[in-house]
Amino acid sequence: MRFLFVVTSNPFAKDFSTLLYLVNALSKHGEITIFFSGNGVYYLTRPETKKFKDAGVRLLYCAHSAHQRGIQTALDFFESSSTYNLSKMLPDYDKVLVFN
């Protein structure tokens, strides 16, 4: 099963611990991708997000959202993308959860 989490909330919200819990629980059952957009791109600067990568999660972010918020570089395990690419990816996933 393929899971996609779309995160638009900032990393200081309660969603980080929820995401980590879900990643640990669901990574045994399939592939997980997290897409960060809006204020979610602030995750790009947080070293603790490496826990997601260590669990085998693919980490994507909206480059435009990052640019709007003055984030010029992401940690090296994030992949630059766009909300257009997100719209094209949606049909490829079995379950999509949005954290806002």
N, C-alpha and C. Protein backbone atom coordinates (compact mmCIF):
# COMPACT_ATOMS: atom_id res chain seq x y z
N MET A 1 0.85 -1.17 0.00
CA MET A 1 0.00 0.00 0.00
C MET A 1 0.90 1.24 0.00
N ARG A 2 0.45 2.26 -0.69
CA ARG A 2 1.21 3.51 -0.78
C ARG A 2 0.47 4.61 -0.04
N PHE A 3 1.19 5.28 0.86
CA PHE A 3 0.63 6.35 1.69
C PHE A 3 1.29 7.67 1.34
N LEU A 4 0.47 8.73 1.26
CA LEU A 4 0.98 10.07 1.04
C LEU A 4 0.45 10.96 2.15
N PHE A 5 1.36 11.65 2.84
CA PHE A 5 1.00 12.64 3.83
C PHE A 5 1.34 14.01 3.26
N VAL A 6 0.37 14.90 3.24
CA VAL A 6 0.58 16.28 2.77
C VAL A 6 0.58 17.16 4.02
N VAL A 7 1.68 17.86 4.26
CA VAL A 7 1.84 18.65 5.48
C VAL A 7 1.93 20.13 5.13
N THR A 8 0.95 20.90 5.63
CA THR A 8 0.99 22.34 5.43
C THR A 8 1.10 23.09 6.76
N SER A 9 1.11 22.35 7.86
CA SER A 9 1.24 22.98 9.18
C SER A 9 2.72 23.10 9.54
N ASN A 10 3.04 24.05 10.39
CA ASN A 10 4.45 24.26 10.75
C ASN A 10 4.94 23.15 11.68
N PRO A 11 6.26 22.94 11.75
CA PRO A 11 6.80 21.83 12.52
C PRO A 11 6.69 22.01 14.03
N PHE A 12 6.23 23.17 14.46
CA PHE A 12 6.09 23.41 15.89
C PHE A 12 4.70 23.00 16.38
N ALA A 13 3.84 22.60 15.45
CA ALA A 13 2.50 22.13 15.80
C ALA A 13 2.59 20.69 16.31
N LYS A 14 1.51 20.18 16.81
CA LYS A 14 1.47 18.83 17.36
C LYS A 14 1.61 17.76 16.28
N ASP A 15 1.56 18.16 15.02
CA ASP A 15 1.58 17.19 13.93
C ASP A 15 2.88 16.41 13.80
N PHE A 16 4.00 16.95 14.27
CA PHE A 16 5.27 16.23 14.13
C PHE A 16 5.21 14.88 14.83
N SER A 17 4.76 14.85 16.06
CA SER A 17 4.71 13.58 16.79
C SER A 17 3.68 12.63 16.18
N THR A 18 2.59 13.16 15.67
CA THR A 18 1.58 12.33 15.01
C THR A 18 2.15 11.73 13.73
N LEU A 19 2.85 12.55 12.95
CA LEU A 19 3.48 12.06 11.73
C LEU A 19 4.50 10.96 12.03
N LEU A 20 5.32 11.18 13.03
CA LEU A 20 6.33 10.19 13.39
C LEU A 20 5.68 8.89 13.83
N TYR A 21 4.62 8.99 14.61
CA TYR A 21 3.90 7.79 15.04
C TYR A 21 3.35 7.03 13.83
N LEU A 22 2.70 7.74 12.92
CA LEU A 22 2.12 7.10 11.74
C LEU A 22 3.19 6.50 10.83
N VAL A 23 4.30 7.20 10.67
CA VAL A 23 5.40 6.67 9.86
C VAL A 23 5.91 5.36 10.45
N ASN A 24 6.13 5.33 11.74
CA ASN A 24 6.62 4.11 12.37
C ASN A 24 5.61 2.97 12.27
N ALA A 25 4.33 3.28 12.39
CA ALA A 25 3.30 2.24 12.33
C ALA A 25 3.05 1.75 10.90
N LEU A 26 3.04 2.66 9.94
CA LEU A 26 2.66 2.31 8.57
C LEU A 26 3.83 1.89 7.68
N SER A 27 5.04 2.21 8.07
CA SER A 27 6.18 1.85 7.21
C SER A 27 6.33 0.34 7.06
N LYS A 28 5.78 -0.41 7.98
CA LYS A 28 5.80 -1.87 7.90
C LYS A 28 4.78 -2.40 6.89
N HIS A 29 3.86 -1.54 6.48
CA HIS A 29 2.75 -1.95 5.61
C HIS A 29 2.80 -1.36 4.21
N GLY A 30 3.84 -0.59 3.93
CA GLY A 30 3.92 -0.03 2.59
C GLY A 30 4.89 1.13 2.49
N GLU A 31 4.77 1.82 1.37
CA GLU A 31 5.65 2.94 1.05
C GLU A 31 5.01 4.24 1.49
N ILE A 32 5.82 5.14 2.07
CA ILE A 32 5.31 6.42 2.57
C ILE A 32 6.07 7.57 1.92
N THR A 33 5.30 8.57 1.49
CA THR A 33 5.87 9.82 1.00
C THR A 33 5.24 10.95 1.79
N ILE A 34 6.06 11.93 2.18
CA ILE A 34 5.54 13.13 2.83
C ILE A 34 5.86 14.31 1.92
N PHE A 35 4.82 15.10 1.62
CA PHE A 35 4.96 16.30 0.80
C PHE A 35 4.71 17.51 1.69
N PHE A 36 5.69 18.42 1.77
CA PHE A 36 5.58 19.62 2.59
C PHE A 36 5.30 20.83 1.71
N SER A 37 4.28 21.60 2.09
CA SER A 37 3.90 22.78 1.35
C SER A 37 3.42 23.85 2.33
N GLY A 38 3.27 25.08 1.86
CA GLY A 38 2.83 26.14 2.76
C GLY A 38 3.79 26.26 3.93
N ASN A 39 3.27 26.45 5.14
CA ASN A 39 4.12 26.55 6.32
C ASN A 39 4.82 25.22 6.64
N GLY A 40 4.39 24.14 6.03
CA GLY A 40 5.05 22.85 6.22
C GLY A 40 6.49 22.85 5.75
N VAL A 41 6.86 23.77 4.86
CA VAL A 41 8.24 23.79 4.37
C VAL A 41 9.23 24.17 5.46
N TYR A 42 8.75 24.69 6.59
CA TYR A 42 9.67 24.96 7.69
C TYR A 42 10.29 23.67 8.24
N TYR A 43 9.69 22.52 7.92
CA TYR A 43 10.30 21.24 8.29
C TYR A 43 11.66 21.07 7.62
N LEU A 44 11.89 21.73 6.51
CA LEU A 44 13.15 21.60 5.78
C LEU A 44 14.36 22.03 6.59
N THR A 45 14.14 22.83 7.61
CA THR A 45 15.24 23.35 8.42
C THR A 45 15.39 22.60 9.74
N ARG A 46 14.57 21.62 9.99
CA ARG A 46 14.56 20.93 11.29
C ARG A 46 15.32 19.61 11.22
N PRO A 47 16.44 19.49 11.93
CA PRO A 47 17.25 18.27 11.87
C PRO A 47 16.50 17.01 12.30
N GLU A 48 15.51 17.14 13.18
CA GLU A 48 14.79 15.95 13.64
C GLU A 48 13.95 15.29 12.55
N THR A 49 13.77 15.97 11.42
CA THR A 49 13.04 15.35 10.32
C THR A 49 13.82 14.18 9.70
N LYS A 50 15.09 14.06 10.05
CA LYS A 50 15.88 12.92 9.59
C LYS A 50 15.27 11.60 10.07
N LYS A 51 14.51 11.65 11.15
CA LYS A 51 13.83 10.44 11.64
C LYS A 51 12.90 9.88 10.56
N PHE A 52 12.28 10.75 9.79
CA PHE A 52 11.42 10.28 8.69
C PHE A 52 12.25 9.58 7.63
N LYS A 53 13.35 10.21 7.24
CA LYS A 53 14.22 9.62 6.21
C LYS A 53 14.79 8.29 6.69
N ASP A 54 15.19 8.22 7.96
CA ASP A 54 15.74 6.99 8.52
C ASP A 54 14.72 5.85 8.50
N ALA A 55 13.44 6.20 8.51
CA ALA A 55 12.37 5.20 8.46
C ALA A 55 12.02 4.81 7.02
N GLY A 56 12.75 5.38 6.05
CA GLY A 56 12.54 5.02 4.65
C GLY A 56 11.51 5.86 3.92
N VAL A 57 11.17 7.00 4.48
CA VAL A 57 10.16 7.88 3.89
C VAL A 57 10.79 8.76 2.82
N ARG A 58 10.08 8.93 1.72
CA ARG A 58 10.48 9.89 0.69
C ARG A 58 9.95 11.26 1.10
N LEU A 59 10.82 12.27 1.10
CA LEU A 59 10.46 13.61 1.57
C LEU A 59 10.54 14.61 0.42
N LEU A 60 9.39 15.17 0.06
CA LEU A 60 9.29 16.14 -1.02
C LEU A 60 8.81 17.47 -0.46
N TYR A 61 9.15 18.56 -1.14
CA TYR A 61 8.64 19.85 -0.71
C TYR A 61 8.35 20.74 -1.91
N CYS A 62 7.46 21.70 -1.70
CA CYS A 62 7.12 22.67 -2.73
C CYS A 62 8.19 23.76 -2.73
N ALA A 63 8.95 23.84 -3.79
CA ALA A 63 10.03 24.82 -3.90
C ALA A 63 9.50 26.25 -3.86
N HIS A 64 8.33 26.47 -4.43
CA HIS A 64 7.75 27.82 -4.42
C HIS A 64 7.40 28.25 -3.00
N SER A 65 6.80 27.35 -2.21
CA SER A 65 6.48 27.67 -0.82
C SER A 65 7.74 27.98 -0.03
N ALA A 66 8.80 27.21 -0.26
CA ALA A 66 10.07 27.45 0.44
C ALA A 66 10.64 28.81 0.06
N HIS A 67 10.61 29.13 -1.23
CA HIS A 67 11.11 30.42 -1.70
C HIS A 67 10.33 31.58 -1.07
N GLN A 68 9.00 31.45 -1.01
CA GLN A 68 8.15 32.50 -0.43
C GLN A 68 8.48 32.75 1.04
N ARG A 69 8.96 31.72 1.73
CA ARG A 69 9.26 31.84 3.15
C ARG A 69 10.74 32.07 3.43
N GLY A 70 11.50 32.33 2.38
CA GLY A 70 12.90 32.66 2.54
C GLY A 70 13.81 31.49 2.85
N ILE A 71 13.34 30.29 2.60
CA ILE A 71 14.15 29.09 2.84
C ILE A 71 14.93 28.82 1.55
N GLN A 72 16.24 29.00 1.62
CA GLN A 72 17.05 28.88 0.42
C GLN A 72 17.68 27.50 0.26
N THR A 73 17.90 26.82 1.37
CA THR A 73 18.47 25.48 1.29
C THR A 73 17.69 24.55 2.21
N ALA A 74 17.55 23.33 1.75
CA ALA A 74 16.89 22.28 2.54
C ALA A 74 17.94 21.29 3.00
N LEU A 75 17.63 20.55 4.04
CA LEU A 75 18.51 19.46 4.44
C LEU A 75 18.65 18.51 3.25
N ASP A 76 19.77 17.86 3.13
CA ASP A 76 20.10 17.13 1.90
C ASP A 76 19.22 15.93 1.58
N PHE A 77 18.37 15.50 2.48
CA PHE A 77 17.53 14.34 2.20
C PHE A 77 16.13 14.72 1.70
N PHE A 78 15.88 16.01 1.49
CA PHE A 78 14.62 16.48 0.91
C PHE A 78 14.76 16.61 -0.60
N GLU A 79 13.66 16.34 -1.32
CA GLU A 79 13.63 16.50 -2.78
C GLU A 79 12.74 17.68 -3.14
N SER A 80 13.25 18.55 -3.98
CA SER A 80 12.48 19.69 -4.44
C SER A 80 11.38 19.23 -5.41
N SER A 81 10.19 19.83 -5.28
CA SER A 81 9.07 19.48 -6.14
C SER A 81 8.15 20.69 -6.26
N SER A 82 6.90 20.45 -6.62
CA SER A 82 5.93 21.54 -6.76
C SER A 82 4.53 21.00 -6.47
N THR A 83 3.59 21.90 -6.25
CA THR A 83 2.22 21.46 -6.04
C THR A 83 1.62 20.89 -7.33
N TYR A 84 2.14 21.32 -8.46
CA TYR A 84 1.71 20.70 -9.72
C TYR A 84 2.10 19.22 -9.73
N ASN A 85 3.34 18.94 -9.35
CA ASN A 85 3.77 17.53 -9.27
C ASN A 85 2.94 16.76 -8.26
N LEU A 86 2.59 17.43 -7.15
CA LEU A 86 1.73 16.78 -6.16
C LEU A 86 0.41 16.38 -6.79
N SER A 87 -0.19 17.26 -7.56
CA SER A 87 -1.48 16.95 -8.19
C SER A 87 -1.37 15.76 -9.14
N LYS A 88 -0.23 15.63 -9.79
CA LYS A 88 -0.02 14.50 -10.70
C LYS A 88 0.25 13.20 -9.95
N MET A 89 0.79 13.29 -8.73
CA MET A 89 1.12 12.11 -7.93
C MET A 89 -0.08 11.50 -7.22
N LEU A 90 -1.07 12.31 -6.90
CA LEU A 90 -2.20 11.86 -6.06
C LEU A 90 -2.83 10.54 -6.50
N PRO A 91 -3.08 10.33 -7.78
CA PRO A 91 -3.71 9.06 -8.18
C PRO A 91 -2.84 7.81 -7.92
N ASP A 92 -1.54 8.02 -7.72
CA ASP A 92 -0.63 6.89 -7.50
C ASP A 92 -0.68 6.33 -6.08
N TYR A 93 -1.37 7.02 -5.19
CA TYR A 93 -1.39 6.62 -3.76
C TYR A 93 -2.72 6.02 -3.38
N ASP A 94 -2.66 5.05 -2.48
CA ASP A 94 -3.87 4.38 -2.00
C ASP A 94 -4.56 5.21 -0.92
N LYS A 95 -3.77 5.84 -0.06
CA LYS A 95 -4.31 6.66 1.03
C LYS A 95 -3.57 7.99 1.08
N VAL A 96 -4.33 9.07 1.24
CA VAL A 96 -3.76 10.41 1.34
C VAL A 96 -4.30 11.05 2.62
N LEU A 97 -3.38 11.52 3.47
CA LEU A 97 -3.75 12.23 4.70
C LEU A 97 -3.16 13.62 4.63
N VAL A 98 -3.96 14.63 5.02
CA VAL A 98 -3.51 16.01 4.97
C VAL A 98 -3.45 16.56 6.41
N PHE A 99 -2.31 17.14 6.74
CA PHE A 99 -2.11 17.77 8.05
C PHE A 99 -2.02 19.26 7.83
N ASN A 100 -3.02 19.98 8.38
CA ASN A 100 -3.07 21.41 8.16
C ASN A 100 -3.23 22.12 9.49
